[in-house]
Amino acid sequence: MLKKELERFRYDMGGLCEVRWTGSGELEKGKLLWSGTETEHIYGVGMILGEKARRALIEYNPVNDRLMYARFKRYPRDIIVIVAYAPTTNYSDDEVETFYEQLEQTLKTLPKKDVKIIFGGLEC
């Protein structure tokens, strides 16, 4: 249903939180990318890609059940889209801190020249 609605609006890309699928991978030749836990149907992030975004996709990396990114070929700079699903304030400070450390570490590994866009739920 979501895919049909997005197609109606001629989308290029959308970030998803609470995917709740296990493992990681892609469906329909890259129309949907996801990253979840190994065994539990909790958390999870994903990206839904339109045709233009799929053609521009260079790579994607399912970092963990709360973080993934995809890199797209564009001119003059490539674009990296990060989908992040931060723990809410109901979680311990350690869990929240660990998430932001993982996000920071991921950002440090990405090419500095690329444009970076972050989708998702980030608590303040």
Foldseek 3Di string as FASTA:
>chain_A
DVVVVCVVVVDAKDKDWLPQDAAWDAPPLRQKTKAAHHPGSGIIMIMGGDPVQSVQWDDKARLHSFKIWTWGDDPPAIEIEMEGEADDPVDDPVRRVVRVVSVVVVVVPDDPRHHYHYDYDDDD
